[in-house]
Amino acid sequence: MTEPLSLLTALLLGLFGSSHCLVMCGGIGAAIGSQPGKSPFLNVFAFNLGRITTYVIFGGVVSVVGLWLQQLQTEMMLVMRSLAGVLLVLMGLYVGRWLMWLTHFEQAGQHLWKRIQPATGALLTKQDTPSRLLLGMLWGLLPCGLIYSTLSWVAANGDPVMGMLSMLFFGLGTLPALFASSLAARSISTFLNLKSIKQLAGALLVGYGLWTLWAIWH
């Protein structure tokens, strides 16, 4: 996979998959944006910076694991790249709202989240910027099928630097919708939730996934 196209794909995944992010993070984002004290923008920025930081860290970790597996056995590279192509197709089908299998991945992380959630409640009552940042980092661990699948796709690349950058771009892609939700700018959310926009983005991702599979096996 060429680097610019991989980063663009990660950005599109975040941007057009953000309707799901609104369900998972929109409520807490709106709560943070409406709290008194510091400016709403600063509160929301710190929260999302923490959330994206968690994505970047995990992007680096899973890429190191992917690289190790590929070095362990040459055939693993073909397997993991094929998995990346399949996941791109599934993500495209998810974004286009044609097939919602990715939501099943969220069930796998529920046990861990039950242990983390009490800490998020305590941090939500605090209004200082470090608490907002830490809250965002913990919220980045919220079980999300789209994030899990994106991390699996990143791991298949086996490149730690690109893995971190890809998750950074994925996180940046989610920002417009979450900022719009948090700061009451509904026009962006409305545009991203248009059925035609979702289906166009989904079709592009499915096409990229199929192209990835074709390039591997031909």
C-alpha atoms as a PDB file:
ATOM      1  CA  MET A   1       0.000   0.000   0.000  1.00  0.00           C
ATOM      2  CA  THR A   2       1.381   3.408  -0.840  1.00  0.00           C
ATOM      3  CA  GLU A   3       1.666   5.731   2.153  1.00  0.00           C
ATOM      4  CA  PRO A   4      -0.462   8.692   0.926  1.00  0.00           C
ATOM      5  CA  LEU A   5      -3.290   6.370  -0.068  1.00  0.00           C
ATOM      6  CA  SER A   6      -3.133   4.581   3.277  1.00  0.00           C
ATOM      7  CA  LEU A   7      -3.306   7.869   5.183  1.00  0.00           C
ATOM      8  CA  LEU A   8      -6.128   9.095   2.974  1.00  0.00           C
ATOM      9  CA  THR A   9      -7.996   5.853   3.626  1.00  0.00           C
ATOM     10  CA  ALA A  10      -7.518   6.283   7.378  1.00  0.00           C
ATOM     11  CA  LEU A  11      -8.824   9.854   7.169  1.00  0.00           C
ATOM     12  CA  LEU A  12     -11.881   8.738   5.199  1.00  0.00           C
ATOM     13  CA  LEU A  13     -12.565   5.948   7.694  1.00  0.00           C
ATOM     14  CA  GLY A  14     -12.639   8.452  10.520  1.00  0.00           C
ATOM     15  CA  LEU A  15     -14.568  11.099   8.609  1.00  0.00           C
ATOM     16  CA  PHE A  16     -17.340   8.944   7.200  1.00  0.00           C
ATOM     17  CA  GLY A  17     -17.458   6.485  10.070  1.00  0.00           C
ATOM     18  CA  SER A  18     -17.930   9.348  12.524  1.00  0.00           C
ATOM     19  CA  SER A  19     -21.696   8.908  12.605  1.00  0.00           C
ATOM     20  CA  HIS A  20     -20.937   5.844  14.732  1.00  0.00           C
ATOM     21  CA  CYS A  21     -18.489   7.943  16.763  1.00  0.00           C
ATOM     22  CA  LEU A  22     -21.319  10.377  17.487  1.00  0.00           C
ATOM     23  CA  VAL A  23     -23.283   7.537  19.059  1.00  0.00           C
ATOM     24  CA  MET A  24     -20.298   6.407  21.126  1.00  0.00           C
ATOM     25  CA  CYS A  25     -18.706   9.758  22.025  1.00  0.00           C
ATOM     26  CA  GLY A  26     -21.188  12.463  21.030  1.00  0.00           C
ATOM     27  CA  GLY A  27     -23.007  12.489  24.368  1.00  0.00           C
ATOM     28  CA  ILE A  28     -19.932  12.962  26.519  1.00  0.00           C
ATOM     29  CA  GLY A  29     -18.504  15.435  23.999  1.00  0.00           C
ATOM     30  CA  ALA A  30     -21.645  17.558  24.241  1.00  0.00           C
ATOM     31  CA  ALA A  31     -21.521  17.369  28.049  1.00  0.00           C
ATOM     32  CA  ILE A  32     -17.912  18.565  28.100  1.00  0.00           C
ATOM     33  CA  GLY A  33     -18.638  21.329  25.609  1.00  0.00           C
ATOM     34  CA  SER A  34     -21.477  22.676  27.738  1.00  0.00           C
ATOM     35  CA  GLN A  35     -19.619  22.721  31.058  1.00  0.00           C
ATOM     36  CA  PRO A  36     -18.807  26.087  32.678  1.00  0.00           C
ATOM     37  CA  GLY A  37     -15.316  27.329  33.371  1.00  0.00           C
ATOM     38  CA  LYS A  38     -12.776  27.314  30.563  1.00  0.00           C
ATOM     39  CA  SER A  39     -13.859  27.916  26.977  1.00  0.00           C
ATOM     40  CA  PRO A  40     -15.965  25.097  25.499  1.00  0.00           C
ATOM     41  CA  PHE A  41     -13.506  24.807  22.612  1.00  0.00           C
ATOM     42  CA  LEU A  42     -10.563  24.211  24.957  1.00  0.00           C
ATOM     43  CA  ASN A  43     -12.503  21.563  26.891  1.00  0.00           C
ATOM     44  CA  VAL A  44     -13.490  19.713  23.713  1.00  0.00           C
ATOM     45  CA  PHE A  45      -9.998  20.068  22.228  1.00  0.00           C
ATOM     46  CA  ALA A  46      -8.325  18.549  25.306  1.00  0.00           C
ATOM     47  CA  PHE A  47     -10.795  15.661  25.377  1.00  0.00           C
ATOM     48  CA  ASN A  48     -10.304  14.833  21.683  1.00  0.00           C
ATOM     49  CA  LEU A  49      -6.532  15.248  21.928  1.00  0.00           C
ATOM     50  CA  GLY A  50      -6.522  12.583  24.638  1.00  0.00           C
ATOM     51  CA  ARG A  51      -8.781  10.302  22.610  1.00  0.00           C
ATOM     52  CA  ILE A  52      -6.595  10.550  19.503  1.00  0.00           C
ATOM     53  CA  THR A  53      -3.445  10.055  21.585  1.00  0.00           C
ATOM     54  CA  THR A  54      -4.803   6.668  22.660  1.00  0.00           C
ATOM     55  CA  TYR A  55      -5.506   5.756  19.029  1.00  0.00           C
ATOM     56  CA  VAL A  56      -1.947   6.702  18.024  1.00  0.00           C
ATOM     57  CA  ILE A  57      -0.393   4.662  20.847  1.00  0.00           C
ATOM     58  CA  PHE A  58      -2.436   1.610  19.929  1.00  0.00           C
ATOM     59  CA  GLY A  59      -1.590   2.133  16.262  1.00  0.00           C
ATOM     60  CA  GLY A  60       2.095   1.868  17.099  1.00  0.00           C
ATOM     61  CA  VAL A  61       1.623  -1.178  19.340  1.00  0.00           C
ATOM     62  CA  VAL A  62      -0.451  -3.246  16.907  1.00  0.00           C
ATOM     63  CA  SER A  63       1.925  -2.352  14.058  1.00  0.00           C
ATOM     64  CA  VAL A  64       4.897  -3.653  16.046  1.00  0.00           C
ATOM     65  CA  VAL A  65       2.984  -6.882  16.679  1.00  0.00           C
ATOM     66  CA  GLY A  66       2.096  -7.113  12.982  1.00  0.00           C
ATOM     67  CA  LEU A  67       5.723  -6.543  11.981  1.00  0.00           C
ATOM     68  CA  TRP A  68       6.886  -9.234  14.413  1.00  0.00           C
ATOM     69  CA  LEU A  69       4.379 -11.749  13.032  1.00  0.00           C
ATOM     70  CA  GLN A  70       5.438 -10.997   9.462  1.00  0.00           C
ATOM     71  CA  GLN A  71       9.109 -11.470  10.319  1.00  0.00           C
ATOM     72  CA  LEU A  72       8.308 -14.664  12.181  1.00  0.00           C
ATOM     73  CA  GLN A  73       6.877 -16.283   9.073  1.00  0.00           C
ATOM     74  CA  THR A  74       7.019 -14.929   5.511  1.00  0.00           C
ATOM     75  CA  GLU A  75       3.567 -16.268   4.646  1.00  0.00           C
ATOM     76  CA  MET A  76       2.090 -14.162   7.443  1.00  0.00           C
ATOM     77  CA  MET A  77       2.641 -11.057   5.318  1.00  0.00           C
ATOM     78  CA  LEU A  78       0.278 -12.373   2.640  1.00  0.00           C
ATOM     79  CA  VAL A  79      -2.232 -13.435   5.282  1.00  0.00           C
ATOM     80  CA  MET A  80      -2.190 -10.077   7.056  1.00  0.00           C
ATOM     81  CA  ARG A  81      -2.302  -8.026   3.860  1.00  0.00           C
ATOM     82  CA  SER A  82      -5.238 -10.138   2.719  1.00  0.00           C
ATOM     83  CA  LEU A  83      -6.888  -9.529   6.073  1.00  0.00           C
ATOM     84  CA  ALA A  84      -6.338  -5.802   5.581  1.00  0.00           C
ATOM     85  CA  GLY A  85      -8.113  -5.952   2.212  1.00  0.00           C
ATOM     86  CA  VAL A  86     -11.039  -7.890   3.676  1.00  0.00           C
ATOM     87  CA  LEU A  87     -11.334  -5.437   6.579  1.00  0.00           C
ATOM     88  CA  LEU A  88     -11.364  -2.504   4.194  1.00  0.00           C
ATOM     89  CA  VAL A  89     -14.256  -4.101   2.332  1.00  0.00           C
ATOM     90  CA  LEU A  90     -16.104  -4.719   5.611  1.00  0.00           C
ATOM     91  CA  MET A  91     -15.448  -1.164   6.748  1.00  0.00           C
ATOM     92  CA  GLY A  92     -16.745   0.157   3.455  1.00  0.00           C
ATOM     93  CA  LEU A  93     -19.901  -1.929   3.825  1.00  0.00           C
ATOM     94  CA  TYR A  94     -20.235  -0.611   7.384  1.00  0.00           C
ATOM     95  CA  VAL A  95     -19.758   3.046   6.417  1.00  0.00           C
ATOM     96  CA  GLY A  96     -22.243   2.660   3.561  1.00  0.00           C
ATOM     97  CA  ARG A  97     -24.713   1.027   5.998  1.00  0.00           C
ATOM     98  CA  TRP A  98     -25.040  -2.099   3.834  1.00  0.00           C
ATOM     99  CA  LEU A  99     -23.633  -4.596   6.350  1.00  0.00           C
ATOM    100  CA  MET A 100     -23.097  -3.901  10.073  1.00  0.00           C
ATOM    101  CA  TRP A 101     -20.918  -6.852  11.094  1.00  0.00           C
ATOM    102  CA  LEU A 102     -18.280  -4.590  12.627  1.00  0.00           C
ATOM    103  CA  THR A 103     -20.541  -3.801  15.574  1.00  0.00           C
ATOM    104  CA  HIS A 104     -19.997  -7.376  16.797  1.00  0.00           C
ATOM    105  CA  PHE A 105     -16.348  -6.532  17.544  1.00  0.00           C
ATOM    106  CA  GLU A 106     -17.510  -4.108  20.231  1.00  0.00           C
ATOM    107  CA  GLN A 107     -18.734  -6.941  22.432  1.00  0.00           C
ATOM    108  CA  ALA A 108     -15.153  -8.199  22.830  1.00  0.00           C
ATOM    109  CA  GLY A 109     -14.063  -5.080  24.708  1.00  0.00           C
ATOM    110  CA  GLN A 110     -17.018  -4.711  27.056  1.00  0.00           C
ATOM    111  CA  HIS A 111     -15.354  -6.573  29.958  1.00  0.00           C
ATOM    112  CA  LEU A 112     -12.346  -4.225  29.958  1.00  0.00           C
ATOM    113  CA  TRP A 113     -14.541  -1.150  29.587  1.00  0.00           C
ATOM    114  CA  LYS A 114     -16.575  -2.070  32.683  1.00  0.00           C
ATOM    115  CA  ARG A 115     -13.356  -1.770  34.699  1.00  0.00           C
ATOM    116  CA  ILE A 116     -12.393   1.572  33.138  1.00  0.00           C
ATOM    117  CA  GLN A 117     -15.782   3.299  33.136  1.00  0.00           C
ATOM    118  CA  PRO A 118     -15.849   4.224  36.872  1.00  0.00           C
ATOM    119  CA  ALA A 119     -12.654   6.253  36.401  1.00  0.00           C
ATOM    120  CA  THR A 120     -14.234   8.203  33.536  1.00  0.00           C
ATOM    121  CA  GLY A 121     -17.151   9.153  35.765  1.00  0.00           C
ATOM    122  CA  ALA A 122     -14.801  10.601  38.372  1.00  0.00           C
ATOM    123  CA  LEU A 123     -12.864  12.591  35.761  1.00  0.00           C
ATOM    124  CA  LEU A 124     -16.035  13.967  34.191  1.00  0.00           C
ATOM    125  CA  THR A 125     -16.738  15.957  37.368  1.00  0.00           C
ATOM    126  CA  LYS A 126     -13.373  17.733  37.125  1.00  0.00           C
ATOM    127  CA  GLN A 127     -12.948  20.805  34.934  1.00  0.00           C
ATOM    128  CA  ASP A 128      -9.157  21.202  34.641  1.00  0.00           C
ATOM    129  CA  THR A 129      -7.457  20.597  31.288  1.00  0.00           C
ATOM    130  CA  PRO A 130      -5.279  17.613  32.403  1.00  0.00           C
ATOM    131  CA  SER A 131      -8.443  15.824  33.579  1.00  0.00           C
ATOM    132  CA  ARG A 132     -10.083  16.485  30.204  1.00  0.00           C
ATOM    133  CA  LEU A 133      -7.006  15.075  28.464  1.00  0.00           C
ATOM    134  CA  LEU A 134      -6.925  11.952  30.647  1.00  0.00           C
ATOM    135  CA  LEU A 135     -10.680  11.484  30.228  1.00  0.00           C
ATOM    136  CA  GLY A 136     -10.200  11.544  26.458  1.00  0.00           C
ATOM    137  CA  MET A 137      -7.389   8.995  26.667  1.00  0.00           C
ATOM    138  CA  LEU A 138      -9.582   6.642  28.676  1.00  0.00           C
ATOM    139  CA  TRP A 139     -12.531   7.256  26.347  1.00  0.00           C
ATOM    140  CA  GLY A 140     -10.311   6.152  23.481  1.00  0.00           C
ATOM    141  CA  LEU A 141     -10.540   2.664  25.014  1.00  0.00           C
ATOM    142  CA  LEU A 142     -14.319   2.576  24.566  1.00  0.00           C
ATOM    143  CA  PRO A 143     -15.266  -0.606  22.637  1.00  0.00           C
ATOM    144  CA  CYS A 144     -15.825   0.422  19.020  1.00  0.00           C
ATOM    145  CA  GLY A 145     -15.991  -1.970  16.070  1.00  0.00           C
ATOM    146  CA  LEU A 146     -14.768   0.679  13.652  1.00  0.00           C
ATOM    147  CA  ILE A 147     -11.662   1.400  15.744  1.00  0.00           C
ATOM    148  CA  TYR A 148     -10.915  -2.293  16.256  1.00  0.00           C
ATOM    149  CA  SER A 149     -11.162  -2.967  12.544  1.00  0.00           C
ATOM    150  CA  THR A 150      -9.024   0.048  11.680  1.00  0.00           C
ATOM    151  CA  LEU A 151      -6.372  -1.161  14.133  1.00  0.00           C
ATOM    152  CA  SER A 152      -6.459  -4.608  12.522  1.00  0.00           C
ATOM    153  CA  TRP A 153      -5.966  -3.008   9.114  1.00  0.00           C
ATOM    154  CA  VAL A 154      -3.077  -0.929  10.502  1.00  0.00           C
ATOM    155  CA  ALA A 155      -1.458  -4.022  12.047  1.00  0.00           C
ATOM    156  CA  ALA A 156      -1.467  -5.733   8.655  1.00  0.00           C
ATOM    157  CA  ASN A 157       0.820  -3.006   7.307  1.00  0.00           C
ATOM    158  CA  GLY A 158       3.501  -3.966   9.849  1.00  0.00           C
ATOM    159  CA  ASP A 159       4.970  -0.436   9.891  1.00  0.00           C
ATOM    160  CA  PRO A 160       4.955   1.202  13.360  1.00  0.00           C
ATOM    161  CA  VAL A 161       5.464   4.770  12.082  1.00  0.00           C
ATOM    162  CA  MET A 162       2.753   4.429   9.461  1.00  0.00           C
ATOM    163  CA  GLY A 163       0.564   2.681  12.005  1.00  0.00           C
ATOM    164  CA  MET A 164       0.753   5.659  14.336  1.00  0.00           C
ATOM    165  CA  LEU A 165       0.241   8.126  11.505  1.00  0.00           C
ATOM    166  CA  SER A 166      -2.715   6.167  10.147  1.00  0.00           C
ATOM    167  CA  MET A 167      -4.448   6.205  13.529  1.00  0.00           C
ATOM    168  CA  LEU A 168      -3.650   9.913  13.842  1.00  0.00           C
ATOM    169  CA  PHE A 169      -5.355  10.555  10.512  1.00  0.00           C
ATOM    170  CA  PHE A 170      -8.245   8.309  11.528  1.00  0.00           C
ATOM    171  CA  GLY A 171      -8.676  10.347  14.702  1.00  0.00           C
ATOM    172  CA  LEU A 172      -8.460  13.628  12.780  1.00  0.00           C
ATOM    173  CA  GLY A 173     -11.175  12.329  10.476  1.00  0.00           C
ATOM    174  CA  THR A 174     -13.534  11.940  13.424  1.00  0.00           C
ATOM    175  CA  LEU A 175     -12.992  15.498  14.660  1.00  0.00           C
ATOM    176  CA  PRO A 176     -15.422  17.455  12.426  1.00  0.00           C
ATOM    177  CA  ALA A 177     -18.474  15.493  13.525  1.00  0.00           C
ATOM    178  CA  LEU A 178     -17.480  15.350  17.200  1.00  0.00           C
ATOM    179  CA  PHE A 179     -16.605  19.049  17.345  1.00  0.00           C
ATOM    180  CA  ALA A 180     -19.887  19.823  15.601  1.00  0.00           C
ATOM    181  CA  SER A 181     -21.780  17.750  18.148  1.00  0.00           C
ATOM    182  CA  SER A 182     -19.914  19.213  21.107  1.00  0.00           C
ATOM    183  CA  LEU A 183     -20.160  22.838  19.989  1.00  0.00           C
ATOM    184  CA  ALA A 184     -23.674  22.663  18.499  1.00  0.00           C
ATOM    185  CA  ALA A 185     -22.566  23.082  14.868  1.00  0.00           C
ATOM    186  CA  ARG A 186     -25.129  20.694  13.434  1.00  0.00           C
ATOM    187  CA  SER A 187     -24.620  21.400   9.719  1.00  0.00           C
ATOM    188  CA  ILE A 188     -21.427  19.309   9.534  1.00  0.00           C
ATOM    189  CA  SER A 189     -23.044  16.371  11.296  1.00  0.00           C
ATOM    190  CA  THR A 190     -26.052  16.597   8.998  1.00  0.00           C
ATOM    191  CA  PHE A 191     -23.830  16.540   5.895  1.00  0.00           C
ATOM    192  CA  LEU A 192     -21.808  13.547   7.096  1.00  0.00           C
ATOM    193  CA  ASN A 193     -24.993  11.663   7.926  1.00  0.00           C
ATOM    194  CA  LEU A 194     -26.463  12.047   4.440  1.00  0.00           C
ATOM    195  CA  LYS A 195     -27.194   8.608   3.029  1.00  0.00           C
ATOM    196  CA  SER A 196     -25.614   9.480  -0.323  1.00  0.00           C
ATOM    197  CA  ILE A 197     -22.381  10.678   1.332  1.00  0.00           C
ATOM    198  CA  LYS A 198     -22.111   7.540   3.440  1.00  0.00           C
ATOM    199  CA  GLN A 199     -22.717   5.293   0.443  1.00  0.00           C
ATOM    200  CA  LEU A 200     -20.172   7.151  -1.699  1.00  0.00           C
ATOM    201  CA  ALA A 201     -17.520   6.831   1.027  1.00  0.00           C
ATOM    202  CA  GLY A 202     -18.441   3.186   1.591  1.00  0.00           C
ATOM    203  CA  ALA A 203     -18.159   2.404  -2.118  1.00  0.00           C
ATOM    204  CA  LEU A 204     -14.700   4.030  -2.272  1.00  0.00           C
ATOM    205  CA  LEU A 205     -13.484   1.979   0.687  1.00  0.00           C
ATOM    206  CA  VAL A 206     -14.904  -1.253  -0.727  1.00  0.00           C
ATOM    207  CA  GLY A 207     -13.176  -0.479  -4.024  1.00  0.00           C
ATOM    208  CA  TYR A 208      -9.868   0.166  -2.281  1.00  0.00           C
ATOM    209  CA  GLY A 209     -10.203  -3.078  -0.330  1.00  0.00           C
ATOM    210  CA  LEU A 210     -10.890  -5.078  -3.488  1.00  0.00           C
ATOM    211  CA  TRP A 211      -7.981  -3.368  -5.252  1.00  0.00           C
ATOM    212  CA  THR A 212      -5.739  -4.297  -2.286  1.00  0.00           C
ATOM    213  CA  LEU A 213      -6.764  -7.961  -2.533  1.00  0.00           C
ATOM    214  CA  TRP A 214      -6.263  -7.983  -6.303  1.00  0.00           C
ATOM    215  CA  ALA A 215      -2.770  -6.424  -5.967  1.00  0.00           C
ATOM    216  CA  ILE A 216      -1.728  -9.074  -3.426  1.00  0.00           C
ATOM    217  CA  TRP A 217      -2.788 -12.124  -5.368  1.00  0.00           C
ATOM    218  CA  HIS A 218      -1.997 -11.054  -8.941  1.00  0.00           C
END
